[in-house]
Amino acid sequence: LVQFGAFIVLCGATHLINLWTFSMHSRTVAVVMTTAKVLTAAVSCATALMLVHIIPDLLSVKTRELFLKNKAAQLDREMGLIRTQEETGRHVRMLTHEIRSTLDRHTILKTTLVELGRTLALEECALWMPTRTGLELQLSYTLHHQNPVGFTVPIQLPVINQVFSTNRAVKISPNCPVARLRPLAGKYMPGEVVAVRVPLLHLSNFQINDWPELSTKRYALMVLMLPSDSARQWHVHELELVEVVADQVAVALSHAAILEESMRA
């Protein structure tokens, strides 16, 4: 920095001294002018040589910065996994408590939606169940009850087939039929929406809004929407949490159905 500053000062001084050379000038002005030019050239060369050593250092600083960014991202992922494990454990304990305290599957599902909404700060969360015919999905539970429960959509929609074809949580368009869980209001864009399938492992004699007795494996659909007045996006550990909870809900419903049949027997 000192060399670069001296180079700038000497360049300015050389130009200023050059003003006295437009007319007849003495030998002293010529000597001063020559000295300034020689000093400028020397400092310029020294600065250029110094840059040969400085540039690799600067590049190494950028390399270390990139390394630190990668390490920070890795730590964030690890923290996300830790949070996922903690949240998963809490939800497992919550669902287990519901199974032990009640055989009412409606309570299990409602509690699951409430806990997911509170944990993930959701704007809306809903569960779509297949009808008796198996050709439609029926809106059975919502978090804030902004939609009429009982509304149906065809089960052969491409977005539903996409979700049912994988056990992962899938991001879906906020404009698809199963994601229109609330009326759009204000100037905000709708929040990101994910959907995940919930395997219906054992639902014989579980009649709610004509739920079918399932002879083949079918799925319910859980839809979760982030708030529309924020820039939040779904993170990997949140999607993993949703997937684990969906599996736990499936197991809870199956256990509750088996226990209910045992009590009837």
Foldseek 3Di string as FASTA:
>chain_A
DVLVVVLVVLVVVLVVLVVQVPDDDDVVSVVVNVVSVVVNVVSVVVVVVVVVVVVVVVVVVVVVVVVVVVVVVVVVVVVLVVVLVVLLVVLLVVLVVPLVPDLDLVVSVLVLQQVLCVVVVFPKKWKWAAAAVRQWTFTADMNVPQDDGGDIDGCPDPVNVVQVVDLFKAWDDCPDPVNPPHDDDDDFDWFTKIKHWAKQDAQPPPDDNRHHRDPDIDTMMMMTGHHRVDPDDDDPSSRVSVSSSSDSSNVSNRSSVVVVVVVVD
